[in-house]
Every structure is written in structure tokens, then in C-alpha cells.
N, C-alpha and C. Protein backbone atom coordinates (compact mmCIF):
# COMPACT_ATOMS: atom_id res chain seq x y z
N UNK A 1 83.90 100.84 79.16
CA UNK A 1 84.54 101.85 79.96
C UNK A 1 84.25 101.59 81.44
N UNK A 2 85.29 101.57 82.23
CA UNK A 2 85.14 101.32 83.65
C UNK A 2 85.28 99.86 84.02
N UNK A 3 85.46 98.99 83.05
CA UNK A 3 85.53 97.55 83.28
C UNK A 3 86.88 97.10 83.80
N UNK A 4 87.93 97.83 83.46
CA UNK A 4 89.29 97.36 83.70
C UNK A 4 89.66 97.07 85.13
N UNK A 5 89.28 97.94 86.05
CA UNK A 5 89.69 97.75 87.45
C UNK A 5 89.09 96.47 88.02
N UNK A 6 87.80 96.24 87.79
CA UNK A 6 87.18 95.01 88.26
C UNK A 6 87.80 93.78 87.62
N UNK A 7 88.13 93.87 86.34
CA UNK A 7 88.77 92.75 85.64
C UNK A 7 90.16 92.49 86.21
N UNK A 8 90.90 93.55 86.51
CA UNK A 8 92.24 93.38 87.09
C UNK A 8 92.16 92.72 88.47
N UNK A 9 91.20 93.16 89.27
CA UNK A 9 91.01 92.57 90.60
C UNK A 9 90.67 91.09 90.47
N UNK A 10 89.72 90.78 89.60
CA UNK A 10 89.34 89.38 89.39
C UNK A 10 90.50 88.54 88.87
N UNK A 11 91.29 89.10 87.97
CA UNK A 11 92.44 88.38 87.42
C UNK A 11 93.46 88.06 88.50
N UNK A 12 93.71 89.04 89.38
CA UNK A 12 94.70 88.83 90.44
C UNK A 12 94.20 87.82 91.47
N UNK A 13 92.91 87.90 91.80
CA UNK A 13 92.36 86.92 92.76
C UNK A 13 92.39 85.51 92.18
N UNK A 14 92.15 85.39 90.88
CA UNK A 14 92.15 84.07 90.23
C UNK A 14 93.56 83.55 89.99
N UNK A 15 94.54 84.47 89.88
CA UNK A 15 95.93 84.10 89.58
C UNK A 15 96.88 84.84 90.51
N UNK A 16 96.86 84.53 91.79
CA UNK A 16 97.62 85.32 92.76
C UNK A 16 99.13 85.37 92.52
N UNK A 17 99.69 84.39 91.82
CA UNK A 17 101.13 84.38 91.58
C UNK A 17 101.53 85.13 90.31
N UNK A 18 100.57 85.56 89.53
CA UNK A 18 100.84 86.28 88.28
C UNK A 18 100.86 87.79 88.53
N UNK A 19 101.71 88.50 87.78
CA UNK A 19 101.67 89.96 87.80
C UNK A 19 100.45 90.42 87.03
N UNK A 20 99.73 91.39 87.57
CA UNK A 20 98.56 91.94 86.89
C UNK A 20 98.76 93.44 86.73
N UNK A 21 98.58 93.88 85.50
CA UNK A 21 98.74 95.29 85.14
C UNK A 21 97.47 95.74 84.43
N UNK A 22 96.99 96.90 84.80
CA UNK A 22 95.83 97.51 84.14
C UNK A 22 96.30 98.77 83.42
N UNK A 23 95.96 98.88 82.15
CA UNK A 23 96.22 100.10 81.39
C UNK A 23 94.86 100.67 81.04
N UNK A 24 94.60 101.88 81.51
CA UNK A 24 93.27 102.46 81.36
C UNK A 24 93.36 103.96 81.12
N UNK A 25 92.31 104.53 80.63
CA UNK A 25 92.25 105.97 80.45
C UNK A 25 91.77 106.66 81.71
N UNK A 26 91.96 107.98 81.75
CA UNK A 26 91.56 108.71 82.96
C UNK A 26 90.05 108.72 83.15
N UNK A 27 89.28 108.73 82.08
CA UNK A 27 87.82 108.68 82.21
C UNK A 27 87.36 107.34 82.75
N UNK A 28 87.90 106.27 82.21
CA UNK A 28 87.56 104.93 82.68
C UNK A 28 87.98 104.73 84.13
N UNK A 29 89.17 105.22 84.48
CA UNK A 29 89.66 105.12 85.85
C UNK A 29 88.70 105.80 86.82
N UNK A 30 88.21 106.96 86.45
CA UNK A 30 87.31 107.71 87.35
C UNK A 30 85.99 106.99 87.57
N UNK A 31 85.57 106.16 86.63
CA UNK A 31 84.30 105.46 86.79
C UNK A 31 84.34 104.47 87.96
N UNK A 32 85.49 103.87 88.19
CA UNK A 32 85.59 102.84 89.23
C UNK A 32 86.80 102.99 90.13
N UNK A 33 87.30 104.20 90.30
CA UNK A 33 88.48 104.38 91.14
C UNK A 33 88.20 104.02 92.60
N UNK A 34 86.93 103.98 92.99
CA UNK A 34 86.61 103.54 94.35
C UNK A 34 87.03 102.09 94.59
N UNK A 35 87.23 101.34 93.51
CA UNK A 35 87.67 99.95 93.67
C UNK A 35 89.12 99.86 94.14
N UNK A 36 89.82 101.01 94.20
CA UNK A 36 91.14 101.00 94.83
C UNK A 36 91.03 100.56 96.29
N UNK A 37 89.87 100.80 96.89
CA UNK A 37 89.63 100.32 98.25
C UNK A 37 89.71 98.80 98.32
N UNK A 38 89.17 98.13 97.31
CA UNK A 38 89.24 96.66 97.25
C UNK A 38 90.68 96.22 97.05
N UNK A 39 91.40 96.89 96.14
CA UNK A 39 92.81 96.56 95.90
C UNK A 39 93.59 96.64 97.21
N UNK A 40 93.35 97.70 97.97
CA UNK A 40 94.05 97.89 99.24
C UNK A 40 93.60 96.87 100.29
N UNK A 41 92.30 96.72 100.45
CA UNK A 41 91.76 95.82 101.49
C UNK A 41 92.18 94.38 101.26
N UNK A 42 92.29 93.98 99.99
CA UNK A 42 92.66 92.60 99.67
C UNK A 42 94.17 92.44 99.47
N UNK A 43 94.91 93.54 99.67
CA UNK A 43 96.37 93.53 99.54
C UNK A 43 96.81 92.96 98.19
N UNK A 44 96.25 93.54 97.12
CA UNK A 44 96.53 93.06 95.77
C UNK A 44 97.57 93.97 95.09
N UNK A 45 98.73 93.44 94.75
CA UNK A 45 99.77 94.26 94.13
C UNK A 45 99.54 94.50 92.63
N UNK A 46 98.42 95.08 92.32
CA UNK A 46 98.07 95.42 90.93
C UNK A 46 98.68 96.78 90.60
N UNK A 47 99.28 96.89 89.43
CA UNK A 47 99.78 98.18 88.97
C UNK A 47 98.83 98.70 87.90
N UNK A 48 98.29 99.89 88.15
CA UNK A 48 97.33 100.51 87.24
C UNK A 48 98.01 101.71 86.56
N UNK A 49 98.11 101.64 85.25
CA UNK A 49 98.64 102.76 84.46
C UNK A 49 97.45 103.57 83.96
N UNK A 50 97.40 104.84 84.32
CA UNK A 50 96.33 105.73 83.87
C UNK A 50 96.88 106.63 82.77
N UNK A 51 96.32 106.49 81.57
CA UNK A 51 96.68 107.35 80.45
C UNK A 51 95.85 108.63 80.58
N UNK A 52 96.48 109.67 81.08
CA UNK A 52 95.77 110.91 81.41
C UNK A 52 95.85 111.89 80.23
N UNK A 53 94.74 111.96 79.49
CA UNK A 53 94.70 112.89 78.35
C UNK A 53 93.63 113.96 78.53
N UNK A 54 92.99 113.97 79.67
CA UNK A 54 92.01 115.01 80.03
C UNK A 54 90.74 114.98 79.16
N UNK A 55 90.49 113.86 78.49
CA UNK A 55 89.26 113.72 77.70
C UNK A 55 88.73 112.29 77.84
N UNK A 56 87.45 112.12 77.56
CA UNK A 56 86.90 110.78 77.42
C UNK A 56 87.34 110.32 76.03
N UNK A 57 88.46 109.60 75.98
CA UNK A 57 89.20 109.35 74.75
C UNK A 57 88.43 108.84 73.57
N UNK A 58 87.70 107.73 73.72
CA UNK A 58 87.03 107.14 72.57
C UNK A 58 85.93 108.07 72.04
N UNK A 59 85.15 108.63 72.94
CA UNK A 59 84.08 109.53 72.51
C UNK A 59 84.67 110.78 71.87
N UNK A 60 85.73 111.31 72.45
CA UNK A 60 86.42 112.47 71.88
C UNK A 60 86.93 112.16 70.47
N UNK A 61 87.52 110.97 70.32
CA UNK A 61 88.03 110.55 69.01
C UNK A 61 86.89 110.38 68.02
N UNK A 62 85.78 109.80 68.44
CA UNK A 62 84.61 109.68 67.55
C UNK A 62 84.14 111.06 67.11
N UNK A 63 84.03 111.98 68.07
CA UNK A 63 83.54 113.33 67.72
C UNK A 63 84.51 114.03 66.77
N UNK A 64 85.78 113.77 66.95
CA UNK A 64 86.79 114.38 66.06
C UNK A 64 86.70 113.79 64.66
N UNK A 65 86.63 112.47 64.55
CA UNK A 65 86.70 111.80 63.26
C UNK A 65 85.38 111.74 62.51
N UNK A 66 84.30 111.57 63.22
CA UNK A 66 83.03 111.28 62.57
C UNK A 66 81.98 112.37 62.72
N UNK A 67 82.23 113.35 63.58
CA UNK A 67 81.25 114.40 63.83
C UNK A 67 81.84 115.80 63.69
N UNK A 68 82.81 115.92 62.77
CA UNK A 68 83.39 117.22 62.39
C UNK A 68 83.89 118.04 63.58
N UNK A 69 84.51 117.34 64.55
CA UNK A 69 85.11 117.99 65.72
C UNK A 69 84.09 118.77 66.57
N UNK A 70 82.84 118.37 66.51
CA UNK A 70 81.82 118.98 67.38
C UNK A 70 81.89 118.25 68.72
N UNK A 71 82.74 118.76 69.59
CA UNK A 71 82.98 118.11 70.87
C UNK A 71 81.88 118.49 71.86
N UNK A 72 81.41 117.48 72.58
CA UNK A 72 80.37 117.70 73.57
C UNK A 72 80.62 116.78 74.76
N UNK A 73 80.84 117.38 75.91
CA UNK A 73 80.95 116.66 77.19
C UNK A 73 82.04 115.60 77.19
N UNK A 74 83.17 115.87 76.55
CA UNK A 74 84.27 114.91 76.58
C UNK A 74 85.48 115.40 77.36
N UNK A 75 85.50 116.66 77.75
CA UNK A 75 86.63 117.18 78.52
C UNK A 75 86.51 116.76 79.98
N UNK A 76 87.64 116.37 80.56
CA UNK A 76 87.68 115.97 81.97
C UNK A 76 88.45 117.05 82.73
N UNK A 77 87.79 117.74 83.65
CA UNK A 77 88.51 118.76 84.44
C UNK A 77 89.62 118.12 85.27
N UNK A 78 90.72 118.82 85.40
CA UNK A 78 91.88 118.30 86.12
C UNK A 78 91.75 118.61 87.61
N UNK A 79 90.81 117.92 88.28
CA UNK A 79 90.57 118.18 89.69
C UNK A 79 90.95 117.00 90.60
N UNK A 80 91.29 115.86 90.00
CA UNK A 80 91.62 114.68 90.80
C UNK A 80 93.12 114.60 91.02
N UNK A 81 93.53 114.53 92.27
CA UNK A 81 94.93 114.30 92.61
C UNK A 81 95.09 112.79 92.83
N UNK A 82 95.57 112.11 91.82
CA UNK A 82 95.68 110.65 91.86
C UNK A 82 96.56 110.17 93.01
N UNK A 83 97.64 110.89 93.27
CA UNK A 83 98.56 110.48 94.33
C UNK A 83 97.88 110.55 95.70
N UNK A 84 97.14 111.62 95.96
CA UNK A 84 96.42 111.74 97.23
C UNK A 84 95.34 110.68 97.36
N UNK A 85 94.67 110.38 96.25
CA UNK A 85 93.65 109.34 96.26
C UNK A 85 94.28 108.01 96.66
N UNK A 86 95.42 107.69 96.06
CA UNK A 86 96.12 106.44 96.40
C UNK A 86 96.53 106.43 97.87
N UNK A 87 97.12 107.52 98.33
CA UNK A 87 97.56 107.60 99.73
C UNK A 87 96.37 107.44 100.68
N UNK A 88 95.22 107.97 100.31
CA UNK A 88 94.03 107.89 101.17
C UNK A 88 93.58 106.45 101.39
N UNK A 89 93.86 105.57 100.44
CA UNK A 89 93.44 104.17 100.59
C UNK A 89 94.62 103.23 100.85
N UNK A 90 95.79 103.80 101.11
CA UNK A 90 96.95 102.98 101.47
C UNK A 90 97.73 102.40 100.32
N UNK A 91 97.62 103.01 99.15
CA UNK A 91 98.37 102.54 97.98
C UNK A 91 99.40 103.60 97.58
N UNK A 92 100.23 103.28 96.62
CA UNK A 92 101.23 104.22 96.12
C UNK A 92 100.78 104.84 94.81
N UNK A 93 101.05 106.11 94.66
CA UNK A 93 100.73 106.82 93.43
C UNK A 93 101.98 107.48 92.87
N UNK A 94 102.13 107.41 91.56
CA UNK A 94 103.30 107.97 90.88
C UNK A 94 102.86 108.74 89.64
N UNK A 95 103.73 109.64 89.20
CA UNK A 95 103.51 110.37 87.96
C UNK A 95 104.71 110.13 87.05
N UNK A 96 104.45 109.96 85.77
CA UNK A 96 105.52 109.74 84.80
C UNK A 96 105.29 110.63 83.58
N UNK A 97 106.16 111.63 83.43
CA UNK A 97 106.06 112.53 82.29
C UNK A 97 107.04 112.19 81.18
N UNK A 98 107.97 111.27 81.46
CA UNK A 98 108.91 110.85 80.42
C UNK A 98 109.32 109.41 80.70
N UNK A 99 110.10 108.84 79.80
CA UNK A 99 110.43 107.42 79.90
C UNK A 99 111.25 107.10 81.16
N UNK A 100 112.12 108.00 81.57
CA UNK A 100 112.93 107.76 82.77
C UNK A 100 112.05 107.73 84.02
N UNK A 101 111.10 108.68 84.12
CA UNK A 101 110.17 108.68 85.26
C UNK A 101 109.29 107.44 85.23
N UNK A 102 108.94 106.99 84.04
CA UNK A 102 108.12 105.78 83.92
C UNK A 102 108.89 104.56 84.43
N UNK A 103 110.13 104.42 83.99
CA UNK A 103 110.96 103.29 84.46
C UNK A 103 111.12 103.32 85.98
N UNK A 104 111.39 104.51 86.52
CA UNK A 104 111.57 104.67 87.96
C UNK A 104 110.27 104.32 88.71
N UNK A 105 109.14 104.79 88.20
CA UNK A 105 107.85 104.51 88.84
C UNK A 105 107.53 103.02 88.82
N UNK A 106 107.81 102.37 87.71
CA UNK A 106 107.56 100.92 87.62
C UNK A 106 108.44 100.18 88.62
N UNK A 107 109.70 100.55 88.71
CA UNK A 107 110.62 99.90 89.66
C UNK A 107 110.14 100.06 91.10
N UNK A 108 109.74 101.29 91.45
CA UNK A 108 109.25 101.54 92.81
C UNK A 108 107.96 100.78 93.09
N UNK A 109 107.05 100.77 92.13
CA UNK A 109 105.77 100.08 92.31
C UNK A 109 105.98 98.59 92.50
N UNK A 110 106.85 97.99 91.70
CA UNK A 110 107.09 96.55 91.81
C UNK A 110 107.79 96.21 93.13
N UNK A 111 108.72 97.06 93.55
CA UNK A 111 109.46 96.81 94.79
C UNK A 111 108.56 96.91 96.02
N UNK A 112 107.56 97.77 95.97
CA UNK A 112 106.67 97.97 97.12
C UNK A 112 105.75 96.77 97.34
N UNK A 113 105.50 95.99 96.30
CA UNK A 113 104.66 94.79 96.39
C UNK A 113 103.26 95.09 96.95
N UNK A 114 102.73 96.25 96.56
CA UNK A 114 101.34 96.56 96.90
C UNK A 114 100.75 97.35 95.73
N UNK A 115 99.46 97.55 95.76
CA UNK A 115 98.80 98.24 94.67
C UNK A 115 99.37 99.61 94.41
N UNK A 116 99.39 100.00 93.13
CA UNK A 116 99.93 101.30 92.76
C UNK A 116 99.22 101.82 91.52
N UNK A 117 99.22 103.15 91.41
CA UNK A 117 98.70 103.83 90.23
C UNK A 117 99.83 104.67 89.66
N UNK A 118 100.10 104.51 88.38
CA UNK A 118 101.11 105.31 87.70
C UNK A 118 100.39 106.14 86.63
N UNK A 119 100.40 107.45 86.81
CA UNK A 119 99.71 108.36 85.89
C UNK A 119 100.69 108.82 84.82
N UNK A 120 100.31 108.61 83.57
CA UNK A 120 101.14 108.99 82.43
C UNK A 120 100.38 110.02 81.61
N UNK A 121 100.96 111.19 81.45
CA UNK A 121 100.32 112.23 80.64
C UNK A 121 100.41 111.88 79.17
N UNK A 122 99.26 112.03 78.48
CA UNK A 122 99.16 111.74 77.06
C UNK A 122 98.49 112.93 76.39
N UNK A 123 98.90 113.23 75.18
CA UNK A 123 98.29 114.34 74.43
C UNK A 123 96.81 114.04 74.14
N UNK A 124 95.93 115.00 74.37
CA UNK A 124 94.50 114.78 74.13
C UNK A 124 94.17 114.41 72.67
N UNK A 125 94.96 114.85 71.74
CA UNK A 125 94.68 114.57 70.33
C UNK A 125 95.25 113.23 69.85
N UNK A 126 95.95 112.52 70.72
CA UNK A 126 96.50 111.21 70.35
C UNK A 126 95.34 110.23 70.15
N UNK A 127 95.36 109.52 69.04
CA UNK A 127 94.28 108.59 68.73
C UNK A 127 94.64 107.16 69.12
N UNK A 128 93.61 106.34 69.26
CA UNK A 128 93.77 104.92 69.53
C UNK A 128 93.21 104.16 68.33
N UNK A 129 93.99 103.22 67.84
CA UNK A 129 93.58 102.42 66.67
C UNK A 129 93.66 100.95 67.02
N UNK A 130 92.79 100.13 66.50
CA UNK A 130 91.67 100.45 65.59
C UNK A 130 90.50 101.07 66.35
N UNK A 131 89.60 101.67 65.59
CA UNK A 131 88.38 102.24 66.15
C UNK A 131 87.22 101.85 65.25
N UNK A 132 86.09 101.55 65.87
CA UNK A 132 84.88 101.21 65.12
C UNK A 132 84.01 102.47 65.03
N UNK A 133 83.62 102.87 63.83
CA UNK A 133 82.73 104.03 63.70
C UNK A 133 81.43 103.80 64.47
N UNK A 134 80.85 104.87 65.01
CA UNK A 134 79.61 104.71 65.77
C UNK A 134 78.52 104.06 64.93
N UNK A 135 77.86 103.09 65.53
CA UNK A 135 76.75 102.41 64.87
C UNK A 135 77.17 101.38 63.84
N UNK A 136 78.46 101.17 63.66
CA UNK A 136 78.93 100.23 62.64
C UNK A 136 79.23 98.87 63.26
N UNK A 137 79.44 97.89 62.40
CA UNK A 137 79.76 96.54 62.85
C UNK A 137 81.23 96.47 63.27
N UNK A 138 81.51 95.60 64.21
CA UNK A 138 82.86 95.47 64.76
C UNK A 138 83.89 95.17 63.68
N UNK A 139 83.52 94.46 62.62
CA UNK A 139 84.48 94.11 61.57
C UNK A 139 84.72 95.25 60.59
N UNK A 140 84.04 96.39 60.76
CA UNK A 140 84.27 97.57 59.90
C UNK A 140 85.13 98.60 60.61
N UNK A 141 86.13 98.12 61.34
CA UNK A 141 87.00 99.03 62.09
C UNK A 141 87.91 99.81 61.14
N UNK A 142 88.40 100.94 61.66
CA UNK A 142 89.36 101.77 60.92
C UNK A 142 90.71 101.72 61.61
N UNK A 143 91.76 101.73 60.81
CA UNK A 143 93.12 101.67 61.35
C UNK A 143 93.86 103.01 61.29
N UNK A 144 93.24 104.00 60.66
CA UNK A 144 93.87 105.32 60.58
C UNK A 144 92.82 106.36 60.24
N UNK A 145 93.21 107.61 60.38
CA UNK A 145 92.32 108.73 60.14
C UNK A 145 91.92 108.85 58.68
């Protein structure tokens, strides 16, 4: 968690002619959103998609599936204005609540040729598969509830 932004920056620096896209959750994004300063300062046209579900997704999913829905410290308060954060560091920020807004945001972000964040709202109860049960081996992953 929090690794994606640094990896995207490194990928773009190593491959300047390639398009680089980061798909991350809102919790992971918050861990390293200060790296948007690096994206801006280095003029890196990275597009970051933030899956905003208002929870620390993997931990929330673990608590739901393996700990009888005893949720603890997984809710993320909706206090961050992603668009203002992007504007503060000289990048573009977009919101996409449906497929048409997503297509429009992608077109605008690509045309601007500078770093951008596209926030996509996702249902908090949406799961990600596969998932490894806590404390289990990586090869004992689960593909469904």
C-alpha cells in the first residue's frame, strides 16, 4: 500500500516515451499523495486513477470476509478534495461518476500532456479478487466469497 505512485514515477523516468497509468485506491493514494509534487516538478504526464471507496479496501475486505464484519479503523473520512490538491501542485484533477465522465476525463488528461488524477467512485462493499487470507501463503488465495 502506497507503493504505486513511486513505481509510476520510476516507470515514467525509465521509459519517458511510454504512457504510464497508476490505478490505486484512495487509502493508498493518501499515503503518498505528496509525490504529486514530484510528478509536477519533473513534468511527468502520469495519469493516476483513484478508486474512491471511502475505506482501506484490502483490510476492510479482510475484516468482512475473515473477521465476521468486525470493522476497525478502515473507514476513510471524505475530507480530501482531490481536485484542489492537484491544482495546488499544478496538475489536473477530474471526477468520473459514470463511463461517459470517465471517457471525457481520460481524453482531457491525455490532451493536457501533464500529470493528472482521475477520481472514480466505487462502492465500499465491492471486493477485489484474488485475495490472500491473513496469515496464509500466497498460493492459498481465494477467488470469491
